[in-house]
Amino acid sequence: MAQSGQSTTGQSLLFLTDEQLRKGTEAMFFAYRGFTADPDRILSERGYGRAHHRAIHFIHGSPGTTVNNLLGILGVTKQSLNRVLRTLVEDGLVLNTVGTKDKRERHLYLTETGTTLERALSDAQRDRMRAAYRAAGPAAVAGFRQVLEAMMDEEMRHHYDALKDKAE
């Protein structure tokens, strides 16, 4: 009998075996490889990697974001992010502007070229997600999002919620 509104299915998920969890972990790894395969190909043609993709993605989603905010979202070192941003700025994909209120802040924006690249990368991933979501159905889509959100640590959940709130 289900307790306090939990479905029998939900309750049975509390008792996943190590083997079921291992299979889920492997599925996540292989899904991630598929999810990143097309963008990786597009990026490698330009000599870029996933760090460039992540920076482009989050700058696109939050135009004018600060370097410090991007550091928090990406969880990388300042040196690593500076290397990525320097390349993107030099190649004309990102604008790095001085803050109007605080001259120490640097605000990031995609250029038209950066926006074009972001669109190509995102279109490839959206196509893959759209096909997977259609195949899985609405209940699975909602469940998948719940699982992903439950896996986030507190700091990442804060960044995710901020981006989600901005989109709404």
C-alpha atoms as a PDB file:
ATOM      1  CA  MET A   1       0.000   0.000   0.000  1.00  0.00           C
ATOM      2  CA  ALA A   2       1.338   3.437  -0.977  1.00  0.00           C
ATOM      3  CA  GLN A   3       2.138   5.840   1.845  1.00  0.00           C
ATOM      4  CA  SER A   4       1.168   9.521   2.038  1.00  0.00           C
ATOM      5  CA  GLY A   5       0.258   9.962  -1.607  1.00  0.00           C
ATOM      6  CA  GLN A   6       3.183   7.994  -3.054  1.00  0.00           C
ATOM      7  CA  SER A   7       2.267   5.769  -5.939  1.00  0.00           C
ATOM      8  CA  THR A   8       3.219   2.137  -5.852  1.00  0.00           C
ATOM      9  CA  THR A   9       5.642   2.876  -8.696  1.00  0.00           C
ATOM     10  CA  GLY A  10       7.194   5.777  -6.776  1.00  0.00           C
ATOM     11  CA  GLN A  11       7.519   3.615  -3.711  1.00  0.00           C
ATOM     12  CA  SER A  12       9.234   0.826  -5.648  1.00  0.00           C
ATOM     13  CA  LEU A  13      11.805   3.352  -6.876  1.00  0.00           C
ATOM     14  CA  LEU A  14      12.982   3.698  -3.293  1.00  0.00           C
ATOM     15  CA  PHE A  15      14.321   0.155  -3.538  1.00  0.00           C
ATOM     16  CA  LEU A  16      16.489   0.322  -6.647  1.00  0.00           C
ATOM     17  CA  THR A  17      19.228  -2.257  -6.756  1.00  0.00           C
ATOM     18  CA  ASP A  18      22.879  -1.404  -7.292  1.00  0.00           C
ATOM     19  CA  GLU A  19      22.567  -3.024 -10.722  1.00  0.00           C
ATOM     20  CA  GLN A  20      19.623  -0.780 -11.672  1.00  0.00           C
ATOM     21  CA  LEU A  21      21.561   2.277 -10.486  1.00  0.00           C
ATOM     22  CA  ARG A  22      24.648   1.152 -12.454  1.00  0.00           C
ATOM     23  CA  LYS A  23      22.527   0.790 -15.600  1.00  0.00           C
ATOM     24  CA  GLY A  24      21.084   4.270 -15.034  1.00  0.00           C
ATOM     25  CA  THR A  25      24.583   5.695 -14.613  1.00  0.00           C
ATOM     26  CA  GLU A  26      25.753   4.012 -17.808  1.00  0.00           C
ATOM     27  CA  ALA A  27      22.690   5.286 -19.659  1.00  0.00           C
ATOM     28  CA  MET A  28      23.501   8.810 -18.444  1.00  0.00           C
ATOM     29  CA  PHE A  29      27.106   8.534 -19.700  1.00  0.00           C
ATOM     30  CA  PHE A  30      26.058   7.254 -23.130  1.00  0.00           C
ATOM     31  CA  ALA A  31      23.230   9.776 -23.418  1.00  0.00           C
ATOM     32  CA  TYR A  32      25.694  12.562 -22.605  1.00  0.00           C
ATOM     33  CA  ARG A  33      28.016  11.307 -25.350  1.00  0.00           C
ATOM     34  CA  GLY A  34      25.139  11.448 -27.809  1.00  0.00           C
ATOM     35  CA  PHE A  35      23.990  14.818 -26.520  1.00  0.00           C
ATOM     36  CA  THR A  36      27.448  16.332 -27.012  1.00  0.00           C
ATOM     37  CA  ALA A  37      28.457  14.517 -30.237  1.00  0.00           C
ATOM     38  CA  ASP A  38      27.028  16.999 -32.758  1.00  0.00           C
ATOM     39  CA  PRO A  39      28.181  20.122 -30.885  1.00  0.00           C
ATOM     40  CA  ASP A  40      31.626  18.544 -30.382  1.00  0.00           C
ATOM     41  CA  ARG A  41      31.924  18.051 -34.151  1.00  0.00           C
ATOM     42  CA  ILE A  42      30.839  21.639 -34.881  1.00  0.00           C
ATOM     43  CA  LEU A  43      33.223  22.992 -32.231  1.00  0.00           C
ATOM     44  CA  SER A  44      36.206  20.906 -33.349  1.00  0.00           C
ATOM     45  CA  GLU A  45      35.888  22.355 -36.869  1.00  0.00           C
ATOM     46  CA  ARG A  46      36.701  25.728 -35.268  1.00  0.00           C
ATOM     47  CA  GLY A  47      39.313  24.439 -32.828  1.00  0.00           C
ATOM     48  CA  TYR A  48      37.005  24.810 -29.804  1.00  0.00           C
ATOM     49  CA  GLY A  49      36.015  22.391 -27.076  1.00  0.00           C
ATOM     50  CA  ARG A  50      33.215  21.860 -24.566  1.00  0.00           C
ATOM     51  CA  ALA A  51      34.420  24.657 -22.290  1.00  0.00           C
ATOM     52  CA  HIS A  52      33.827  27.080 -25.165  1.00  0.00           C
ATOM     53  CA  HIS A  53      30.394  25.571 -25.710  1.00  0.00           C
ATOM     54  CA  ARG A  54      29.400  25.947 -22.066  1.00  0.00           C
ATOM     55  CA  ALA A  55      30.546  29.572 -21.993  1.00  0.00           C
ATOM     56  CA  ILE A  56      28.666  30.371 -25.216  1.00  0.00           C
ATOM     57  CA  HIS A  57      25.552  28.598 -23.945  1.00  0.00           C
ATOM     58  CA  PHE A  58      25.346  30.481 -20.672  1.00  0.00           C
ATOM     59  CA  ILE A  59      26.322  33.857 -22.135  1.00  0.00           C
ATOM     60  CA  HIS A  60      23.531  33.410 -24.681  1.00  0.00           C
ATOM     61  CA  GLY A  61      21.044  32.504 -21.956  1.00  0.00           C
ATOM     62  CA  SER A  62      21.971  35.491 -19.828  1.00  0.00           C
ATOM     63  CA  PRO A  63      23.300  38.348 -21.978  1.00  0.00           C
ATOM     64  CA  GLY A  64      25.365  40.763 -19.930  1.00  0.00           C
ATOM     65  CA  THR A  65      26.215  38.151 -17.325  1.00  0.00           C
ATOM     66  CA  THR A  66      29.372  38.938 -15.416  1.00  0.00           C
ATOM     67  CA  VAL A  67      32.567  36.950 -15.556  1.00  0.00           C
ATOM     68  CA  ASN A  68      32.120  36.193 -11.832  1.00  0.00           C
ATOM     69  CA  ASN A  69      28.604  34.869 -12.387  1.00  0.00           C
ATOM     70  CA  LEU A  70      29.839  32.685 -15.247  1.00  0.00           C
ATOM     71  CA  LEU A  71      32.618  31.378 -12.985  1.00  0.00           C
ATOM     72  CA  GLY A  72      29.993  30.319 -10.451  1.00  0.00           C
ATOM     73  CA  ILE A  73      27.803  28.618 -13.039  1.00  0.00           C
ATOM     74  CA  LEU A  74      30.620  26.747 -14.757  1.00  0.00           C
ATOM     75  CA  GLY A  75      32.556  25.883 -11.595  1.00  0.00           C
ATOM     76  CA  VAL A  76      35.922  26.365 -13.286  1.00  0.00           C
ATOM     77  CA  THR A  77      39.005  28.298 -12.274  1.00  0.00           C
ATOM     78  CA  LYS A  78      39.370  31.942 -13.229  1.00  0.00           C
ATOM     79  CA  GLN A  79      42.480  31.053 -15.235  1.00  0.00           C
ATOM     80  CA  SER A  80      40.606  28.386 -17.205  1.00  0.00           C
ATOM     81  CA  LEU A  81      37.643  30.658 -17.943  1.00  0.00           C
ATOM     82  CA  ASN A  82      39.922  33.542 -18.912  1.00  0.00           C
ATOM     83  CA  ARG A  83      41.685  31.299 -21.441  1.00  0.00           C
ATOM     84  CA  VAL A  84      38.319  30.324 -22.996  1.00  0.00           C
ATOM     85  CA  LEU A  85      36.957  33.880 -22.979  1.00  0.00           C
ATOM     86  CA  ARG A  86      40.155  35.308 -24.456  1.00  0.00           C
ATOM     87  CA  THR A  87      39.795  32.967 -27.444  1.00  0.00           C
ATOM     88  CA  LEU A  88      36.099  33.736 -27.890  1.00  0.00           C
ATOM     89  CA  VAL A  89      36.726  37.490 -27.685  1.00  0.00           C
ATOM     90  CA  GLU A  90      39.720  37.369 -30.065  1.00  0.00           C
ATOM     91  CA  ASP A  91      37.682  35.312 -32.553  1.00  0.00           C
ATOM     92  CA  GLY A  92      34.840  37.825 -32.462  1.00  0.00           C
ATOM     93  CA  LEU A  93      32.242  35.602 -30.780  1.00  0.00           C
ATOM     94  CA  VAL A  94      31.971  37.371 -27.415  1.00  0.00           C
ATOM     95  CA  LEU A  95      32.049  41.017 -26.344  1.00  0.00           C
ATOM     96  CA  ASN A  96      33.628  41.684 -22.948  1.00  0.00           C
ATOM     97  CA  THR A  97      32.496  45.115 -21.722  1.00  0.00           C
ATOM     98  CA  VAL A  98      33.340  47.107 -18.596  1.00  0.00           C
ATOM     99  CA  GLY A  99      30.478  47.514 -16.113  1.00  0.00           C
ATOM    100  CA  THR A 100      28.784  50.904 -16.003  1.00  0.00           C
ATOM    101  CA  LYS A 101      28.208  50.857 -12.224  1.00  0.00           C
ATOM    102  CA  ASP A 102      31.301  48.919 -11.210  1.00  0.00           C
ATOM    103  CA  LYS A 103      34.319  49.306 -13.499  1.00  0.00           C
ATOM    104  CA  ARG A 104      35.814  46.100 -12.066  1.00  0.00           C
ATOM    105  CA  GLU A 105      32.962  44.036 -13.486  1.00  0.00           C
ATOM    106  CA  ARG A 106      33.149  42.550 -16.960  1.00  0.00           C
ATOM    107  CA  HIS A 107      29.877  41.879 -18.766  1.00  0.00           C
ATOM    108  CA  LEU A 108      29.668  39.295 -21.524  1.00  0.00           C
ATOM    109  CA  TYR A 109      27.550  39.315 -24.666  1.00  0.00           C
ATOM    110  CA  LEU A 110      27.525  37.176 -27.785  1.00  0.00           C
ATOM    111  CA  THR A 111      28.248  38.921 -31.046  1.00  0.00           C
ATOM    112  CA  GLU A 112      26.224  38.127 -34.159  1.00  0.00           C
ATOM    113  CA  THR A 113      28.844  35.501 -35.054  1.00  0.00           C
ATOM    114  CA  GLY A 114      28.661  34.067 -31.548  1.00  0.00           C
ATOM    115  CA  THR A 115      24.882  33.947 -31.716  1.00  0.00           C
ATOM    116  CA  THR A 116      25.060  32.092 -35.042  1.00  0.00           C
ATOM    117  CA  LEU A 117      27.407  29.490 -33.551  1.00  0.00           C
ATOM    118  CA  GLU A 118      25.255  29.175 -30.419  1.00  0.00           C
ATOM    119  CA  ARG A 119      22.199  28.553 -32.587  1.00  0.00           C
ATOM    120  CA  ALA A 120      23.957  25.791 -34.545  1.00  0.00           C
ATOM    121  CA  LEU A 121      25.105  24.098 -31.334  1.00  0.00           C
ATOM    122  CA  SER A 122      21.732  24.441 -29.612  1.00  0.00           C
ATOM    123  CA  ASP A 123      19.723  23.370 -32.665  1.00  0.00           C
ATOM    124  CA  ALA A 124      21.666  20.108 -32.781  1.00  0.00           C
ATOM    125  CA  GLN A 125      20.993  19.448 -29.098  1.00  0.00           C
ATOM    126  CA  ARG A 126      17.357  20.544 -29.249  1.00  0.00           C
ATOM    127  CA  ASP A 127      16.747  18.213 -32.190  1.00  0.00           C
ATOM    128  CA  ARG A 128      18.133  15.295 -30.194  1.00  0.00           C
ATOM    129  CA  MET A 129      16.184  16.253 -27.044  1.00  0.00           C
ATOM    130  CA  ARG A 130      12.961  16.830 -29.005  1.00  0.00           C
ATOM    131  CA  ALA A 131      13.196  13.379 -30.603  1.00  0.00           C
ATOM    132  CA  ALA A 132      13.947  11.724 -27.256  1.00  0.00           C
ATOM    133  CA  TYR A 133      11.126  13.580 -25.492  1.00  0.00           C
ATOM    134  CA  ARG A 134       8.647  12.632 -28.215  1.00  0.00           C
ATOM    135  CA  ALA A 135       9.678   8.998 -27.975  1.00  0.00           C
ATOM    136  CA  ALA A 136       9.471   8.963 -24.173  1.00  0.00           C
ATOM    137  CA  GLY A 137       6.216  10.900 -23.736  1.00  0.00           C
ATOM    138  CA  PRO A 138       5.144  13.725 -21.411  1.00  0.00           C
ATOM    139  CA  ALA A 139       5.221  11.780 -18.144  1.00  0.00           C
ATOM    140  CA  ALA A 140       8.770  10.600 -18.803  1.00  0.00           C
ATOM    141  CA  VAL A 141       9.849  14.145 -19.708  1.00  0.00           C
ATOM    142  CA  ALA A 142       8.529  15.485 -16.402  1.00  0.00           C
ATOM    143  CA  GLY A 143      10.120  12.579 -14.510  1.00  0.00           C
ATOM    144  CA  PHE A 144      13.436  13.061 -16.257  1.00  0.00           C
ATOM    145  CA  ARG A 145      13.531  16.740 -15.296  1.00  0.00           C
ATOM    146  CA  GLN A 146      12.695  15.824 -11.684  1.00  0.00           C
ATOM    147  CA  VAL A 147      15.559  13.330 -11.591  1.00  0.00           C
ATOM    148  CA  LEU A 148      18.018  15.852 -13.030  1.00  0.00           C
ATOM    149  CA  GLU A 149      16.904  18.558 -10.597  1.00  0.00           C
ATOM    150  CA  ALA A 150      17.186  16.138  -7.659  1.00  0.00           C
ATOM    151  CA  MET A 151      20.789  15.346  -8.668  1.00  0.00           C
ATOM    152  CA  MET A 152      21.899  18.996  -8.528  1.00  0.00           C
ATOM    153  CA  ASP A 153      23.849  20.156  -5.526  1.00  0.00           C
ATOM    154  CA  GLU A 154      22.611  23.265  -3.716  1.00  0.00           C
ATOM    155  CA  GLU A 155      24.880  25.775  -5.466  1.00  0.00           C
ATOM    156  CA  MET A 156      24.065  24.452  -8.932  1.00  0.00           C
ATOM    157  CA  ARG A 157      20.370  24.370  -8.057  1.00  0.00           C
ATOM    158  CA  HIS A 158      20.611  28.068  -7.165  1.00  0.00           C
ATOM    159  CA  HIS A 159      22.118  28.895 -10.586  1.00  0.00           C
ATOM    160  CA  TYR A 160      19.591  26.656 -12.348  1.00  0.00           C
ATOM    161  CA  ASP A 161      16.655  28.287 -10.549  1.00  0.00           C
ATOM    162  CA  ALA A 162      17.976  31.766 -11.398  1.00  0.00           C
ATOM    163  CA  LEU A 163      18.204  30.864 -15.085  1.00  0.00           C
ATOM    164  CA  LYS A 164      14.816  29.161 -15.022  1.00  0.00           C
ATOM    165  CA  ASP A 165      13.209  32.212 -13.359  1.00  0.00           C
ATOM    166  CA  LYS A 166      14.771  34.477 -15.982  1.00  0.00           C
ATOM    167  CA  ALA A 167      13.229  32.396 -18.793  1.00  0.00           C
ATOM    168  CA  GLU A 168       9.718  32.516 -17.348  1.00  0.00           C
END
